[in-house]
């Protein structure tokens, strides 16, 4: 089963980084690729939150339905999506570091349809690039927000 993982350091407090990852409504504000979020559940945060995300991937728009199935505040959040015959299981983990926060991301793709079993190993690299861009934008957004907060309190 294809997996992709990455990590990066963010010069912002753990709670700020976790909030940015878990606040689905802010996805559009912090990512250039995400153009729309539509909630499919009454919940807007935490376990059981289900939503449709529309994003630009290359020159096309793509939508995916995601659900938060695990959420431990300031520690980890897990999103699952069943798209194109593959279950995409993505876990974001945050932990304190000397420079702020370490963000670890692990994405697991579990194809359950024949065509997906062929295509998914090829797609995970491409999707991993989009996700990496997302977390780099998240890093910039968190660091800018932290800098702005520091300036406001000085």
C-alpha atoms as a PDB file:
ATOM      1  CA  UNK A   1       0.000   0.000   0.000  1.00  0.00           C
ATOM      2  CA  UNK A   2       1.494   3.341  -1.019  1.00  0.00           C
ATOM      3  CA  UNK A   3       2.468   5.755   1.733  1.00  0.00           C
ATOM      4  CA  UNK A   4       3.837   9.235   1.757  1.00  0.00           C
ATOM      5  CA  UNK A   5       5.266  11.084   4.720  1.00  0.00           C
ATOM      6  CA  UNK A   6       6.984  14.351   5.400  1.00  0.00           C
ATOM      7  CA  UNK A   7       7.743  16.691   8.263  1.00  0.00           C
ATOM      8  CA  UNK A   8       8.729  20.285   8.756  1.00  0.00           C
ATOM      9  CA  UNK A   9       9.494  22.797  11.456  1.00  0.00           C
ATOM     10  CA  UNK A  10       7.144  25.734  11.994  1.00  0.00           C
ATOM     11  CA  UNK A  11       8.148  28.791  14.026  1.00  0.00           C
ATOM     12  CA  UNK A  12       4.782  29.001  15.785  1.00  0.00           C
ATOM     13  CA  UNK A  13       3.264  27.505  18.932  1.00  0.00           C
ATOM     14  CA  UNK A  14       1.765  23.998  18.786  1.00  0.00           C
ATOM     15  CA  UNK A  15      -1.755  25.250  19.541  1.00  0.00           C
ATOM     16  CA  UNK A  16      -1.633  27.741  16.636  1.00  0.00           C
ATOM     17  CA  UNK A  17      -0.431  25.076  14.203  1.00  0.00           C
ATOM     18  CA  UNK A  18      -3.000  22.552  15.393  1.00  0.00           C
ATOM     19  CA  UNK A  19      -5.799  25.119  15.096  1.00  0.00           C
ATOM     20  CA  UNK A  20      -4.754  25.911  11.512  1.00  0.00           C
ATOM     21  CA  UNK A  21      -4.823  22.210  10.589  1.00  0.00           C
ATOM     22  CA  UNK A  22      -8.079  21.417  12.359  1.00  0.00           C
ATOM     23  CA  UNK A  23     -10.094  24.558  11.521  1.00  0.00           C
ATOM     24  CA  UNK A  24     -11.706  23.368   8.290  1.00  0.00           C
ATOM     25  CA  UNK A  25     -13.389  26.734   7.681  1.00  0.00           C
ATOM     26  CA  UNK A  26      -9.970  28.438   7.442  1.00  0.00           C
ATOM     27  CA  UNK A  27      -8.626  26.079   4.753  1.00  0.00           C
ATOM     28  CA  UNK A  28      -9.630  28.515   1.986  1.00  0.00           C
ATOM     29  CA  UNK A  29      -7.807  31.375   3.761  1.00  0.00           C
ATOM     30  CA  UNK A  30      -4.521  29.566   4.188  1.00  0.00           C
ATOM     31  CA  UNK A  31      -4.228  27.557   0.974  1.00  0.00           C
ATOM     32  CA  UNK A  32      -4.018  28.934  -2.548  1.00  0.00           C
ATOM     33  CA  UNK A  33      -5.127  25.572  -3.960  1.00  0.00           C
ATOM     34  CA  UNK A  34      -8.337  25.169  -1.924  1.00  0.00           C
ATOM     35  CA  UNK A  35     -11.138  27.197  -3.481  1.00  0.00           C
ATOM     36  CA  UNK A  36     -14.185  26.015  -1.556  1.00  0.00           C
ATOM     37  CA  UNK A  37     -15.242  24.032   1.523  1.00  0.00           C
ATOM     38  CA  UNK A  38     -18.813  22.812   1.909  1.00  0.00           C
ATOM     39  CA  UNK A  39     -19.866  21.150   5.156  1.00  0.00           C
ATOM     40  CA  UNK A  40     -21.825  17.924   4.796  1.00  0.00           C
ATOM     41  CA  UNK A  41     -22.386  17.449   8.537  1.00  0.00           C
ATOM     42  CA  UNK A  42     -23.790  19.632  11.270  1.00  0.00           C
ATOM     43  CA  UNK A  43     -20.403  19.474  12.974  1.00  0.00           C
ATOM     44  CA  UNK A  44     -17.880  22.121  11.975  1.00  0.00           C
ATOM     45  CA  UNK A  45     -14.936  20.763  13.977  1.00  0.00           C
ATOM     46  CA  UNK A  46     -13.688  17.614  15.630  1.00  0.00           C
ATOM     47  CA  UNK A  47     -14.546  13.963  15.091  1.00  0.00           C
ATOM     48  CA  UNK A  48     -17.533  13.493  12.802  1.00  0.00           C
ATOM     49  CA  UNK A  49     -16.940  16.651  10.765  1.00  0.00           C
ATOM     50  CA  UNK A  50     -17.584  15.799   7.128  1.00  0.00           C
ATOM     51  CA  UNK A  51     -16.966  18.230   4.276  1.00  0.00           C
ATOM     52  CA  UNK A  52     -16.375  18.545   0.546  1.00  0.00           C
ATOM     53  CA  UNK A  53     -13.163  20.284  -0.407  1.00  0.00           C
ATOM     54  CA  UNK A  54     -12.693  21.759  -3.873  1.00  0.00           C
ATOM     55  CA  UNK A  55      -9.173  22.519  -4.973  1.00  0.00           C
ATOM     56  CA  UNK A  56      -7.140  23.274  -8.048  1.00  0.00           C
ATOM     57  CA  UNK A  57      -4.806  20.429  -8.977  1.00  0.00           C
ATOM     58  CA  UNK A  58      -2.664  21.490 -11.878  1.00  0.00           C
ATOM     59  CA  UNK A  59      -5.086  23.089 -14.339  1.00  0.00           C
ATOM     60  CA  UNK A  60      -8.202  21.258 -13.133  1.00  0.00           C
ATOM     61  CA  UNK A  61     -10.547  21.511 -10.187  1.00  0.00           C
ATOM     62  CA  UNK A  62     -10.986  18.395  -8.084  1.00  0.00           C
ATOM     63  CA  UNK A  63     -13.321  17.676  -5.207  1.00  0.00           C
ATOM     64  CA  UNK A  64     -12.978  15.236  -2.365  1.00  0.00           C
ATOM     65  CA  UNK A  65     -15.208  14.387   0.570  1.00  0.00           C
ATOM     66  CA  UNK A  66     -13.228  14.182   3.793  1.00  0.00           C
ATOM     67  CA  UNK A  67     -14.159  13.257   7.331  1.00  0.00           C
ATOM     68  CA  UNK A  68     -12.305  13.865  10.580  1.00  0.00           C
ATOM     69  CA  UNK A  69     -12.206  10.483  12.305  1.00  0.00           C
ATOM     70  CA  UNK A  70      -9.681  11.245  15.040  1.00  0.00           C
ATOM     71  CA  UNK A  71      -8.834  14.477  16.799  1.00  0.00           C
ATOM     72  CA  UNK A  72      -6.656  14.900  19.890  1.00  0.00           C
ATOM     73  CA  UNK A  73      -6.215  18.617  20.520  1.00  0.00           C
ATOM     74  CA  UNK A  74      -2.666  19.905  20.084  1.00  0.00           C
ATOM     75  CA  UNK A  75      -1.459  16.401  19.244  1.00  0.00           C
ATOM     76  CA  UNK A  76      -2.982  14.848  16.081  1.00  0.00           C
ATOM     77  CA  UNK A  77      -5.860  14.953  13.641  1.00  0.00           C
ATOM     78  CA  UNK A  78      -6.831  12.320  11.093  1.00  0.00           C
ATOM     79  CA  UNK A  79      -8.754  12.870   7.867  1.00  0.00           C
ATOM     80  CA  UNK A  80     -10.141  10.032   5.733  1.00  0.00           C
ATOM     81  CA  UNK A  81     -11.498  10.208   2.195  1.00  0.00           C
ATOM     82  CA  UNK A  82     -12.736   7.471  -0.126  1.00  0.00           C
ATOM     83  CA  UNK A  83     -12.171   8.819  -3.631  1.00  0.00           C
ATOM     84  CA  UNK A  84     -11.537   7.088  -6.927  1.00  0.00           C
ATOM     85  CA  UNK A  85     -11.572   3.602  -5.449  1.00  0.00           C
ATOM     86  CA  UNK A  86      -8.939   4.459  -2.833  1.00  0.00           C
ATOM     87  CA  UNK A  87      -9.232   5.237   0.862  1.00  0.00           C
ATOM     88  CA  UNK A  88      -6.896   8.139   1.623  1.00  0.00           C
ATOM     89  CA  UNK A  89      -5.971   8.176   5.321  1.00  0.00           C
ATOM     90  CA  UNK A  90      -4.001  11.252   6.392  1.00  0.00           C
ATOM     91  CA  UNK A  91      -2.659  11.961   9.878  1.00  0.00           C
ATOM     92  CA  UNK A  92      -1.156  15.290  10.958  1.00  0.00           C
ATOM     93  CA  UNK A  93       0.856  15.208  14.199  1.00  0.00           C
ATOM     94  CA  UNK A  94       2.170  18.266  16.010  1.00  0.00           C
ATOM     95  CA  UNK A  95       4.738  18.327  18.788  1.00  0.00           C
ATOM     96  CA  UNK A  96       6.775  21.046  20.497  1.00  0.00           C
ATOM     97  CA  UNK A  97      10.263  21.666  19.173  1.00  0.00           C
ATOM     98  CA  UNK A  98      13.059  24.098  19.995  1.00  0.00           C
ATOM     99  CA  UNK A  99      11.943  26.398  17.197  1.00  0.00           C
ATOM    100  CA  UNK A 100       8.186  26.090  17.758  1.00  0.00           C
ATOM    101  CA  UNK A 101       6.386  23.074  16.334  1.00  0.00           C
ATOM    102  CA  UNK A 102       7.323  19.954  14.455  1.00  0.00           C
ATOM    103  CA  UNK A 103       4.599  18.912  12.025  1.00  0.00           C
ATOM    104  CA  UNK A 104       4.606  15.297  10.830  1.00  0.00           C
ATOM    105  CA  UNK A 105       2.309  14.196   8.057  1.00  0.00           C
ATOM    106  CA  UNK A 106       1.637  10.635   7.005  1.00  0.00           C
ATOM    107  CA  UNK A 107      -0.670   9.751   4.124  1.00  0.00           C
ATOM    108  CA  UNK A 108      -1.664   6.160   3.471  1.00  0.00           C
ATOM    109  CA  UNK A 109      -3.494   5.136   0.295  1.00  0.00           C
ATOM    110  CA  UNK A 110      -5.490   1.905   0.370  1.00  0.00           C
ATOM    111  CA  UNK A 111      -6.908   1.089  -3.068  1.00  0.00           C
ATOM    112  CA  UNK A 112      -9.962  -1.167  -3.012  1.00  0.00           C
ATOM    113  CA  UNK A 113     -10.922  -1.244  -6.696  1.00  0.00           C
ATOM    114  CA  UNK A 114      -8.944  -2.876  -9.488  1.00  0.00           C
ATOM    115  CA  UNK A 115      -8.137   0.255 -11.507  1.00  0.00           C
ATOM    116  CA  UNK A 116      -7.228   2.120  -8.318  1.00  0.00           C
ATOM    117  CA  UNK A 117      -4.761  -0.636  -7.411  1.00  0.00           C
ATOM    118  CA  UNK A 118      -2.929   0.141 -10.640  1.00  0.00           C
ATOM    119  CA  UNK A 119      -3.224   3.946 -10.627  1.00  0.00           C
ATOM    120  CA  UNK A 120      -2.846   4.812  -6.916  1.00  0.00           C
ATOM    121  CA  UNK A 121       0.879   3.950  -6.637  1.00  0.00           C
ATOM    122  CA  UNK A 122       1.480   6.386  -9.511  1.00  0.00           C
ATOM    123  CA  UNK A 123      -0.796   9.078  -8.049  1.00  0.00           C
ATOM    124  CA  UNK A 124       0.534   9.126  -4.495  1.00  0.00           C
ATOM    125  CA  UNK A 125       3.680  10.977  -5.560  1.00  0.00           C
ATOM    126  CA  UNK A 126       1.678  13.638  -7.388  1.00  0.00           C
ATOM    127  CA  UNK A 127      -0.809  14.019  -4.534  1.00  0.00           C
ATOM    128  CA  UNK A 128       2.086  14.101  -2.084  1.00  0.00           C
ATOM    129  CA  UNK A 129       3.452  17.145  -3.946  1.00  0.00           C
ATOM    130  CA  UNK A 130       0.126  18.962  -3.595  1.00  0.00           C
ATOM    131  CA  UNK A 131      -0.056  18.087   0.104  1.00  0.00           C
ATOM    132  CA  UNK A 132       3.541  19.233   0.616  1.00  0.00           C
ATOM    133  CA  UNK A 133       2.653  22.579  -0.970  1.00  0.00           C
ATOM    134  CA  UNK A 134      -0.373  22.774   1.351  1.00  0.00           C
ATOM    135  CA  UNK A 135       1.738  22.295   4.461  1.00  0.00           C
ATOM    136  CA  UNK A 136       4.361  24.767   3.248  1.00  0.00           C
ATOM    137  CA  UNK A 137       1.550  27.330   2.874  1.00  0.00           C
ATOM    138  CA  UNK A 138       0.302  26.310   6.329  1.00  0.00           C
ATOM    139  CA  UNK A 139       3.801  26.952   7.691  1.00  0.00           C
ATOM    140  CA  UNK A 140       3.926  30.420   6.100  1.00  0.00           C
ATOM    141  CA  UNK A 141       0.425  31.259   7.354  1.00  0.00           C
ATOM    142  CA  UNK A 142       1.194  30.134  10.931  1.00  0.00           C
ATOM    143  CA  UNK A 143       4.519  31.959  11.023  1.00  0.00           C
ATOM    144  CA  UNK A 144       2.988  35.164   9.643  1.00  0.00           C
ATOM    145  CA  UNK A 145       0.127  34.951  12.157  1.00  0.00           C
ATOM    146  CA  UNK A 146       2.594  34.401  15.011  1.00  0.00           C
ATOM    147  CA  UNK A 147       4.724  37.349  13.884  1.00  0.00           C
ATOM    148  CA  UNK A 148       1.649  39.578  13.628  1.00  0.00           C
ATOM    149  CA  UNK A 149       0.565  38.514  17.135  1.00  0.00           C
ATOM    150  CA  UNK A 150       4.003  39.322  18.539  1.00  0.00           C
ATOM    151  CA  UNK A 151       3.990  42.754  16.909  1.00  0.00           C
ATOM    152  CA  UNK A 152       0.514  43.496  18.287  1.00  0.00           C
ATOM    153  CA  UNK A 153       1.630  42.699  21.840  1.00  0.00           C
ATOM    154  CA  UNK A 154       4.955  44.601  21.665  1.00  0.00           C
END
